[in-house]
Amino acid sequence: MQNDSGKPRLLYYDVDISALKSCERIQSESEQRAYTPFFDCTRIFAGNRDFISDVKQYRPDLVIFVGFVERQIPVAAIANTDAFPEIPRIGLHTTDIFCPLWWANHQCFAALGVHACFSNHFVPGVDWDREMRIPCYYLPRMVSDEIFHDYGEEKLFHAGLFGHGFWRPHKLYPWRNAVVQAICEKMVIVTTGRVEVVVEDDPLLPYGENYARLINRCLFSLSCSTSIQRPVEKCLQIPAAMSCLVTNENALMREYGFRDLENCVVVDQANALEKMQMLLNDRKELQAITERGYRLVQENYTGAQPRTFLNWLHAFRRLRPGEHIVQTGVMEFACAELGTTPSRVLAADPNPGQALLPQAIKLLLEDDLDNAEQIFNAMNEYDVPNTPLDIGRAFLLLRRREPEAAYKRLRRNLLWLEAMGVGKLRHDPALCACLIMFTLAEDNIQALSHALRRTEGLQHPL
């Protein structure tokens, strides 16, 4: 079913963007416009809707549901989602696998009857998703060409550092601090904090066009994949704003098309200064690398997400009995016999520490606390973010009848979320539930009241 334009109709259940901060709203509105070349797209706020009425009105060829739990939208806000099961549906994760909200969202998507899930943070292996039976695919990062392009700014800085982890060690970004230590005394550097959590209309931190112009003033800008080898948004924003991307060695970045000294510069602590100075001494070659990176992103990743959904839809329509869809590239899909595995670069977990987590949880459920603790200790040797470790250790401490220690571990994690600007905007149901459980065990009325205030407005995702 297509309209007169020949484009498939997309019904997109989204958050109410009028409630977002300026920096988030600007980006969201720009990304919405990126769908226009690929879909006849209708976006509606996912609250108090009737799915039957929406389908009859908009006649969609594809339906996308954005992750509801972190937006505090219950599935029950969309009635009659069991109707029209033949219409392909996608669930879009906006949190990563390390956040407890991932599984709450996944349960929501299962209730909504989605045929596939997408995430640009992390794609779990088969073992993670055996219970849900929902295929999960990697969604490439996307950049807005309305915001990020060549403004023709004068190059004022050797290097731009935007975000966390450059000036002190950071568990999620170990490469950043190591490289900065190697170059900081030899370069003219501009740096900002994490611009996407900037306070509304704060004049001291740039976002939108001002942020893109700042990148445009830098000969080099540094960004990297996380400790789980997933590129962050800045890996595309930097070349899109005509600055030379300096990054780490990463298999998924190669899938995007990035190549060392062709359209980016791949460095480590040992060679960063040498390679950057070499190009500073050869500005013609530096400009050529920068321009090739600019073309790679502008030609391929300004509409990456809608193109990915469209390619998946084409594969879905070609499916025959006994087949499933496998991802063969960051935006490519194929129909294959059941049992065929997808690209290991896209689906495999590259972090050995994360693979230990299911083992630790299994031992906890079996009440084998000593061996579970040994595995949690082993996970500390890897770059595994704090949330799953804290929840697991807190549960272990509670089983050992140490509620005060368990409470402190969860409390520390909740404070970390607030410091990142997350806890004040959207409460984490899993952390709040654990916090209430621990305060009840503690019989601490004041602490319980404090925890309950964090659950105001929360509804069970199902």
Protein backbone atom coordinates (compact mmCIF):
# COMPACT_ATOMS: atom_id res chain seq x y z
CA MET A 1 0.00 0.00 0.00
CA GLN A 2 1.54 3.31 -1.11
CA ASN A 3 0.26 6.80 -1.63
CA ASP A 4 0.34 8.82 -4.84
CA SER A 5 3.98 9.78 -4.22
CA GLY A 6 5.02 6.13 -4.38
CA LYS A 7 6.49 6.27 -0.87
CA PRO A 8 5.36 3.85 1.84
CA ARG A 9 3.18 5.28 4.59
CA LEU A 10 4.83 5.34 8.03
CA LEU A 11 2.88 5.77 11.27
CA TYR A 12 5.34 6.87 13.96
CA TYR A 13 4.24 6.83 17.61
CA ASP A 14 6.55 9.36 19.25
CA VAL A 15 7.04 11.49 22.33
CA ASP A 16 5.51 14.98 22.44
CA ILE A 17 8.50 17.01 21.26
CA SER A 18 7.02 20.27 22.59
CA ALA A 19 8.03 19.02 26.06
CA LEU A 20 11.69 18.65 25.08
CA LYS A 21 14.47 21.13 25.81
CA SER A 22 15.47 23.49 23.00
CA CYS A 23 18.60 21.54 22.07
CA GLU A 24 16.65 18.25 21.91
CA ARG A 25 13.71 19.79 20.07
CA ILE A 26 15.90 21.33 17.36
CA GLN A 27 17.54 18.00 16.66
CA SER A 28 14.27 16.05 16.81
CA GLU A 29 12.52 18.37 14.36
CA SER A 30 15.45 18.16 11.95
CA GLU A 31 15.52 14.36 12.15
CA GLN A 32 11.79 14.23 11.44
CA ARG A 33 12.35 16.07 8.16
CA ALA A 34 14.98 13.49 7.18
CA TYR A 35 12.17 10.92 6.76
CA THR A 36 10.49 12.88 3.96
CA PRO A 37 12.50 11.44 1.01
CA PHE A 38 11.78 7.86 2.14
CA PHE A 39 8.30 7.80 3.70
CA ASP A 40 5.00 9.58 3.79
CA CYS A 41 5.45 9.93 7.55
CA THR A 42 2.78 10.74 10.13
CA ARG A 43 4.03 11.32 13.70
CA ILE A 44 1.55 11.23 16.52
CA PHE A 45 1.98 11.49 20.26
CA ALA A 46 1.70 8.02 21.83
CA GLY A 47 -0.90 8.87 24.43
CA ASN A 48 -4.61 7.93 24.61
CA ARG A 49 -4.70 6.52 21.08
CA ASP A 50 -6.82 3.80 19.50
CA PHE A 51 -4.75 1.69 17.13
CA ILE A 52 -7.75 0.59 15.05
CA SER A 53 -8.81 4.21 14.46
CA ASP A 54 -5.24 5.28 13.66
CA VAL A 55 -4.75 2.50 11.11
CA LYS A 56 -8.07 3.23 9.41
CA GLN A 57 -7.22 6.93 9.23
CA TYR A 58 -3.56 6.75 8.14
CA ARG A 59 -3.45 3.31 6.39
CA PRO A 60 0.22 2.68 7.28
CA ASP A 61 2.59 0.29 5.52
CA LEU A 62 4.89 0.38 8.57
CA VAL A 63 4.41 1.32 12.24
CA ILE A 64 7.21 2.43 14.57
CA PHE A 65 6.87 2.64 18.35
CA VAL A 66 9.53 4.67 20.19
CA GLY A 67 10.71 3.30 23.56
CA PHE A 68 7.89 4.09 25.96
CA VAL A 69 9.19 3.37 29.43
CA GLU A 70 11.84 6.07 29.70
CA ARG A 71 9.29 8.52 28.28
CA GLN A 72 6.81 7.38 30.98
CA ILE A 73 4.19 6.35 28.40
CA PRO A 74 2.32 3.13 29.34
CA VAL A 75 1.50 0.63 26.60
CA ALA A 76 -2.12 0.86 27.68
CA ALA A 77 -2.11 4.41 26.29
CA ILE A 78 -2.56 2.81 22.84
CA ALA A 79 -5.67 0.63 22.76
CA ASN A 80 -6.37 -2.34 20.48
CA THR A 81 -2.78 -2.97 19.36
CA ASP A 82 -3.68 -6.64 18.82
CA ALA A 83 -5.58 -5.59 15.69
CA PHE A 84 -3.99 -5.67 12.20
CA PRO A 85 -1.15 -8.08 13.08
CA GLU A 86 -0.21 -8.24 9.40
CA ILE A 87 1.11 -4.64 9.41
CA PRO A 88 4.88 -4.71 10.07
CA ARG A 89 5.82 -3.02 13.35
CA ILE A 90 9.18 -1.87 14.72
CA GLY A 91 10.15 -1.06 18.30
CA LEU A 92 12.84 1.61 18.60
CA HIS A 93 15.03 1.41 21.70
CA THR A 94 16.38 4.75 22.91
CA THR A 95 18.32 3.33 25.88
CA ASP A 96 21.27 0.94 25.83
CA ILE A 97 21.50 -2.61 27.12
CA PHE A 98 23.19 -1.44 30.34
CA CYS A 99 20.10 0.48 31.41
CA PRO A 100 17.42 -1.51 33.29
CA LEU A 101 14.84 0.27 31.13
CA TRP A 102 15.96 -1.79 28.13
CA TRP A 103 14.10 -4.87 29.30
CA ALA A 104 11.05 -2.93 30.41
CA ASN A 105 10.92 -1.43 26.91
CA HIS A 106 11.43 -4.85 25.36
CA GLN A 107 8.44 -6.18 27.31
CA CYS A 108 6.39 -3.24 26.04
CA PHE A 109 7.39 -4.02 22.47
CA ALA A 110 6.43 -7.67 22.95
CA ALA A 111 2.99 -6.55 24.17
CA LEU A 112 2.68 -4.29 21.12
CA GLY A 113 3.38 -7.23 18.80
CA VAL A 114 6.42 -5.75 17.08
CA HIS A 115 8.17 -7.79 14.41
CA ALA A 116 11.64 -6.33 15.14
CA CYS A 117 13.50 -3.99 17.46
CA PHE A 118 16.26 -1.53 16.56
CA SER A 119 18.89 0.15 18.72
CA ASN A 120 21.89 2.34 17.89
CA HIS A 121 23.42 1.77 21.32
CA PHE A 122 23.90 -1.97 21.43
CA VAL A 123 22.48 -5.10 19.86
CA PRO A 124 22.25 -8.11 22.18
CA GLY A 125 23.21 -11.58 21.07
CA VAL A 126 20.73 -14.44 20.77
CA ASP A 127 21.09 -15.49 24.41
CA TRP A 128 19.91 -12.08 25.60
CA ASP A 129 16.69 -12.26 23.61
CA ARG A 130 15.76 -15.94 23.77
CA GLU A 131 12.77 -15.31 26.02
CA MET A 132 11.25 -12.48 23.98
CA ARG A 133 11.81 -13.96 20.52
CA ILE A 134 11.99 -10.51 18.94
CA PRO A 135 14.75 -9.97 16.35
CA CYS A 136 16.94 -7.02 17.28
CA TYR A 137 18.99 -5.08 14.74
CA TYR A 138 21.61 -2.37 14.80
CA LEU A 139 20.34 1.09 13.85
CA PRO A 140 23.10 3.35 12.50
CA ARG A 141 23.68 6.79 13.86
CA MET A 142 22.24 9.68 11.86
CA VAL A 143 23.23 13.33 11.57
CA SER A 144 21.21 16.37 10.55
CA ASP A 145 22.57 18.12 7.47
CA GLU A 146 20.44 21.14 8.38
CA ILE A 147 22.58 21.63 11.51
CA PHE A 148 25.87 19.93 10.64
CA HIS A 149 27.47 21.16 7.44
CA ASP A 150 30.37 23.35 6.32
CA TYR A 151 29.74 26.90 7.60
CA GLY A 152 33.04 28.13 6.16
CA GLU A 153 34.31 29.20 9.58
CA GLU A 154 37.96 30.17 10.02
CA LYS A 155 39.99 27.33 11.53
CA LEU A 156 40.94 28.67 14.96
CA PHE A 157 41.80 25.49 16.87
CA HIS A 158 43.99 22.49 16.27
CA ALA A 159 41.61 20.15 18.07
CA GLY A 160 38.10 20.12 19.51
CA LEU A 161 37.13 17.95 22.48
CA PHE A 162 33.39 17.67 23.00
CA GLY A 163 31.89 15.51 25.74
CA HIS A 164 32.99 13.37 28.68
CA GLY A 165 36.19 11.54 29.44
CA PHE A 166 38.87 13.74 27.90
CA TRP A 167 40.34 15.33 31.00
CA ARG A 168 40.00 12.46 33.45
CA PRO A 169 39.62 8.71 33.03
CA HIS A 170 36.13 7.56 32.11
CA LYS A 171 35.02 3.94 32.24
CA LEU A 172 32.91 4.17 29.10
CA TYR A 173 35.49 6.15 27.05
CA PRO A 174 38.96 4.85 27.99
CA TRP A 175 40.55 6.03 24.72
CA ARG A 176 39.78 9.72 25.18
CA ASN A 177 41.82 10.56 28.25
CA ALA A 178 44.79 8.50 27.06
CA VAL A 179 44.98 10.35 23.72
CA VAL A 180 44.46 13.81 25.20
CA GLN A 181 47.37 13.27 27.58
CA ALA A 182 49.55 12.68 24.52
CA ILE A 183 48.54 15.82 22.58
CA CYS A 184 47.34 18.46 25.04
CA GLU A 185 50.68 20.27 25.51
CA LYS A 186 51.28 20.60 21.75
CA MET A 187 47.85 21.66 20.48
CA VAL A 188 45.52 24.64 20.69
CA ILE A 189 42.38 22.99 22.04
CA VAL A 190 38.74 24.02 22.54
CA THR A 191 36.61 21.86 24.82
CA THR A 192 33.03 21.71 26.08
CA GLY A 193 31.01 19.40 28.29
CA ARG A 194 28.26 17.11 27.11
CA VAL A 195 26.21 19.47 24.97
CA GLU A 196 23.14 17.22 24.70
CA VAL A 197 22.34 17.68 28.42
CA VAL A 198 22.86 21.44 28.38
CA VAL A 199 20.44 23.48 30.46
CA GLU A 200 17.67 25.04 28.38
CA ASP A 201 19.00 28.08 26.48
CA ASP A 202 22.22 28.15 28.54
CA PRO A 203 24.39 30.74 26.72
CA LEU A 204 27.63 29.23 28.03
CA LEU A 205 27.33 25.87 26.27
CA PRO A 206 26.60 25.60 22.53
CA TYR A 207 24.03 23.39 20.89
CA GLY A 208 22.43 23.24 17.46
CA GLU A 209 24.02 25.57 14.92
CA ASN A 210 26.41 27.12 17.46
CA TYR A 211 27.75 23.68 18.34
CA ALA A 212 28.20 22.77 14.66
CA ARG A 213 30.00 26.07 14.00
CA LEU A 214 32.35 25.38 16.89
CA ILE A 215 33.27 22.01 15.39
CA ASN A 216 33.68 23.73 12.02
CA ARG A 217 36.36 25.98 13.54
CA CYS A 218 38.53 22.96 14.46
CA LEU A 219 41.05 21.33 12.14
CA PHE A 220 40.66 18.08 14.09
CA SER A 221 37.94 16.96 16.47
CA LEU A 222 38.23 13.88 18.65
CA SER A 223 35.58 11.27 19.26
CA CYS A 224 35.51 7.51 19.68
CA SER A 225 33.42 4.43 20.15
CA THR A 226 32.45 3.46 23.67
CA SER A 227 34.09 0.66 25.64
CA ILE A 228 31.57 -1.69 23.99
CA GLN A 229 32.76 -0.58 20.55
CA ARG A 230 29.68 1.36 19.49
CA PRO A 231 30.26 4.70 17.71
CA VAL A 232 28.70 7.74 19.34
CA GLU A 233 26.80 10.47 17.50
CA LYS A 234 29.81 12.81 17.42
CA CYS A 235 31.63 10.35 15.14
CA LEU A 236 29.27 11.57 12.40
CA GLN A 237 28.71 15.14 13.59
CA ILE A 238 32.42 15.96 13.36
CA PRO A 239 33.03 15.08 9.68
CA ALA A 240 29.56 16.43 8.80
CA ALA A 241 30.70 19.84 10.11
CA MET A 242 33.89 19.72 8.01
CA SER A 243 36.35 18.88 10.76
CA CYS A 244 38.75 15.95 10.50
CA LEU A 245 37.60 13.08 12.72
CA VAL A 246 40.29 11.64 14.99
CA THR A 247 39.08 8.35 16.41
CA ASN A 248 40.07 4.90 17.65
CA GLU A 249 40.38 1.60 15.81
CA ASN A 250 36.89 0.13 15.57
CA ALA A 251 35.37 -2.59 13.37
CA LEU A 252 31.92 -1.00 13.28
CA MET A 253 33.37 2.33 12.14
CA ARG A 254 34.85 0.46 9.18
CA GLU A 255 31.35 -0.84 8.43
CA TYR A 256 30.27 2.80 8.26
CA GLY A 257 33.00 3.36 5.66
CA PHE A 258 35.67 5.13 7.71
CA ARG A 259 39.29 4.38 6.75
CA ASP A 260 42.47 5.66 8.37
CA LEU A 261 44.15 8.53 6.48
CA GLU A 262 41.48 8.28 3.79
CA ASN A 263 38.52 10.02 5.46
CA CYS A 264 39.53 10.06 9.15
CA VAL A 265 42.59 9.61 11.35
CA VAL A 266 42.81 6.50 13.54
CA VAL A 267 45.16 6.91 16.50
CA ASP A 268 46.14 5.54 19.88
CA GLN A 269 48.10 7.11 22.72
CA ALA A 270 51.42 6.11 21.17
CA ASN A 271 50.95 7.64 17.71
CA ALA A 272 48.32 10.37 18.13
CA LEU A 273 50.70 13.33 18.32
CA GLU A 274 52.89 12.08 15.48
CA LYS A 275 50.01 11.50 13.05
CA MET A 276 48.25 14.76 13.84
CA GLN A 277 51.44 16.81 13.53
CA MET A 278 52.25 15.11 10.24
CA LEU A 279 48.95 16.33 8.82
CA LEU A 280 49.32 19.80 10.35
CA ASN A 281 52.52 20.03 8.35
CA ASP A 282 50.68 18.96 5.18
CA ARG A 283 47.50 21.05 5.17
CA LYS A 284 46.61 20.01 1.63
CA GLU A 285 46.43 16.35 2.61
CA LEU A 286 44.59 17.21 5.83
CA GLN A 287 41.99 19.12 3.81
CA ALA A 288 41.59 16.20 1.39
CA ILE A 289 40.99 13.73 4.25
CA THR A 290 38.52 16.16 5.85
CA GLU A 291 36.58 16.61 2.62
CA ARG A 292 36.35 12.86 1.98
CA GLY A 293 34.99 12.36 5.52
CA TYR A 294 32.50 15.17 4.91
CA ARG A 295 31.23 13.55 1.70
CA LEU A 296 30.98 10.09 3.31
CA VAL A 297 28.65 11.37 6.02
CA GLN A 298 26.65 13.88 4.00
CA GLU A 299 25.97 11.36 1.22
CA ASN A 300 25.18 8.35 3.41
CA TYR A 301 24.21 9.21 6.98
CA THR A 302 21.98 12.28 6.90
CA GLY A 303 19.05 9.95 6.22
CA ALA A 304 20.55 6.74 7.60
CA GLN A 305 17.75 5.74 9.95
CA PRO A 306 14.74 6.08 7.61
CA ARG A 307 16.78 4.39 4.86
CA THR A 308 17.52 1.51 7.26
CA PHE A 309 13.82 1.13 8.12
CA LEU A 310 12.90 1.23 4.43
CA ASN A 311 15.45 -1.47 3.57
CA TRP A 312 14.14 -3.64 6.43
CA LEU A 313 10.57 -3.15 5.15
CA HIS A 314 11.61 -4.28 1.66
CA ALA A 315 13.21 -7.41 3.18
CA PHE A 316 10.10 -8.05 5.31
CA ARG A 317 7.93 -8.02 2.20
CA ARG A 318 10.22 -10.58 0.53
CA LEU A 319 10.11 -13.05 3.43
CA ARG A 320 9.02 -16.61 2.63
CA PRO A 321 8.10 -19.41 5.05
CA GLY A 322 11.18 -20.78 6.80
CA GLU A 323 13.13 -17.52 6.43
CA HIS A 324 14.07 -14.62 8.67
CA ILE A 325 15.76 -11.26 8.16
CA VAL A 326 19.48 -10.94 8.83
CA GLN A 327 21.44 -7.69 8.86
CA THR A 328 24.30 -7.72 6.36
CA GLY A 329 25.50 -4.11 6.75
CA VAL A 330 24.71 -1.05 8.83
CA MET A 331 21.76 -0.28 6.54
CA GLU A 332 21.41 -3.54 4.59
CA PHE A 333 19.23 -6.63 5.12
CA ALA A 334 18.68 -9.98 3.45
CA CYS A 335 16.25 -12.87 3.75
CA ALA A 336 17.95 -16.07 4.85
CA GLU A 337 17.04 -19.52 6.11
CA LEU A 338 16.19 -19.75 9.81
CA GLY A 339 19.33 -20.31 11.84
CA THR A 340 21.53 -18.06 9.70
CA THR A 341 23.51 -15.71 11.93
CA PRO A 342 23.82 -11.98 11.21
CA SER A 343 27.03 -10.03 10.79
CA ARG A 344 29.21 -10.60 13.86
CA VAL A 345 30.38 -6.98 13.76
CA LEU A 346 26.78 -5.80 14.10
CA ALA A 347 25.36 -8.35 16.53
CA ALA A 348 28.20 -9.78 18.61
CA ASP A 349 28.99 -8.41 22.05
CA PRO A 350 32.62 -7.21 21.85
CA ASN A 351 32.89 -6.72 25.62
CA PRO A 352 33.94 -9.92 27.45
CA GLY A 353 32.90 -8.42 30.77
CA GLN A 354 29.29 -7.96 29.66
CA ALA A 355 29.06 -11.63 28.71
CA LEU A 356 29.67 -12.53 32.36
CA LEU A 357 26.52 -10.76 33.57
CA PRO A 358 24.00 -13.53 32.70
CA GLN A 359 26.20 -16.02 34.54
CA ALA A 360 26.24 -13.87 37.67
CA ILE A 361 22.46 -13.37 37.56
CA LYS A 362 21.89 -17.13 37.12
CA LEU A 363 24.04 -17.85 40.19
CA LEU A 364 22.15 -15.22 42.19
CA LEU A 365 18.84 -16.86 41.34
CA GLU A 366 20.29 -20.21 42.39
CA ASP A 367 21.37 -18.62 45.69
CA ASP A 368 25.03 -19.39 44.92
CA LEU A 369 26.16 -16.07 46.36
CA ASP A 370 29.89 -16.77 46.74
CA ASN A 371 30.37 -17.73 43.08
CA ALA A 372 28.15 -14.85 41.94
CA GLU A 373 30.36 -12.45 43.88
CA GLN A 374 33.46 -13.88 42.20
CA ILE A 375 31.98 -13.18 38.78
CA PHE A 376 30.99 -9.63 39.77
CA ASN A 377 34.57 -9.10 40.92
CA ALA A 378 35.84 -10.43 37.58
CA MET A 379 33.56 -7.99 35.73
CA ASN A 380 35.35 -5.10 37.44
CA GLU A 381 38.39 -5.87 35.28
CA TYR A 382 36.44 -4.91 32.16
CA ASP A 383 34.82 -1.66 31.07
CA VAL A 384 31.30 -2.61 32.16
CA PRO A 385 29.18 0.42 33.16
CA ASN A 386 27.98 0.67 36.74
CA THR A 387 24.23 0.05 36.51
CA PRO A 388 24.11 -3.77 36.04
CA LEU A 389 26.96 -4.24 38.49
CA ASP A 390 25.26 -2.10 41.12
CA ILE A 391 21.90 -3.83 40.79
CA GLY A 392 23.47 -7.28 40.89
CA ARG A 393 25.70 -6.48 43.86
CA ALA A 394 22.83 -4.80 45.70
CA PHE A 395 20.67 -7.90 45.24
CA LEU A 396 23.54 -10.05 46.50
CA LEU A 397 23.97 -7.86 49.59
CA LEU A 398 20.27 -8.01 50.32
CA ARG A 399 20.32 -11.81 50.16
CA ARG A 400 23.15 -11.69 52.67
CA ARG A 401 20.94 -9.59 54.92
CA GLU A 402 23.02 -6.46 54.51
CA PRO A 403 20.25 -4.00 53.48
CA GLU A 404 22.19 -0.89 54.47
CA ALA A 405 25.07 -1.76 52.14
CA ALA A 406 22.60 -2.69 49.38
CA TYR A 407 20.76 0.60 49.78
CA LYS A 408 24.00 2.58 49.57
CA ARG A 409 24.97 0.90 46.32
CA LEU A 410 21.62 1.68 44.67
CA ARG A 411 21.59 5.17 46.16
CA ARG A 412 24.99 5.84 44.62
CA ASN A 413 23.69 4.79 41.24
CA LEU A 414 20.60 6.96 41.53
CA LEU A 415 22.75 9.96 42.43
CA TRP A 416 24.88 9.26 39.36
CA LEU A 417 21.77 9.30 37.17
CA GLU A 418 20.73 12.63 38.67
CA ALA A 419 24.20 14.09 38.13
CA MET A 420 23.91 13.16 34.44
CA GLY A 421 20.61 15.05 34.28
CA VAL A 422 18.65 11.84 33.75
CA GLY A 423 17.09 11.22 37.13
CA LYS A 424 15.49 14.66 37.18
CA LEU A 425 13.92 14.16 33.78
CA ARG A 426 12.85 10.53 33.74
CA HIS A 427 12.93 8.21 36.72
CA ASP A 428 14.26 4.72 36.26
CA PRO A 429 11.50 2.28 37.33
CA ALA A 430 13.90 -0.60 37.98
CA LEU A 431 16.19 1.44 40.18
CA CYS A 432 13.26 3.00 42.02
CA ALA A 433 11.70 -0.41 42.67
CA CYS A 434 14.99 -1.72 44.03
CA LEU A 435 15.42 1.39 46.15
CA ILE A 436 11.96 0.97 47.69
CA MET A 437 12.62 -2.70 48.35
CA PHE A 438 15.83 -1.90 50.17
CA THR A 439 14.35 0.91 52.23
CA LEU A 440 11.50 -1.37 53.30
CA ALA A 441 14.06 -3.95 54.38
CA GLU A 442 15.88 -1.19 56.24
CA ASP A 443 12.68 -0.01 57.91
CA ASN A 444 13.86 3.52 57.31
CA ILE A 445 10.77 5.73 56.97
CA GLN A 446 12.69 8.85 55.95
CA ALA A 447 14.60 6.99 53.25
CA LEU A 448 11.40 5.31 52.05
CA SER A 449 9.69 8.68 51.69
CA HIS A 450 12.70 9.93 49.72
CA ALA A 451 12.49 6.90 47.41
CA LEU A 452 8.74 7.16 46.90
CA ARG A 453 9.07 10.78 45.75
CA ARG A 454 11.20 9.49 42.87
CA THR A 455 8.34 7.31 41.63
CA GLU A 456 5.76 10.06 41.25
CA GLY A 457 4.00 9.72 37.93
CA LEU A 458 5.46 6.29 37.19
CA GLN A 459 3.17 3.62 35.77
CA HIS A 460 3.95 -0.03 35.24
CA PRO A 461 5.05 -0.40 31.59
CA LEU A 462 2.57 -3.21 30.97
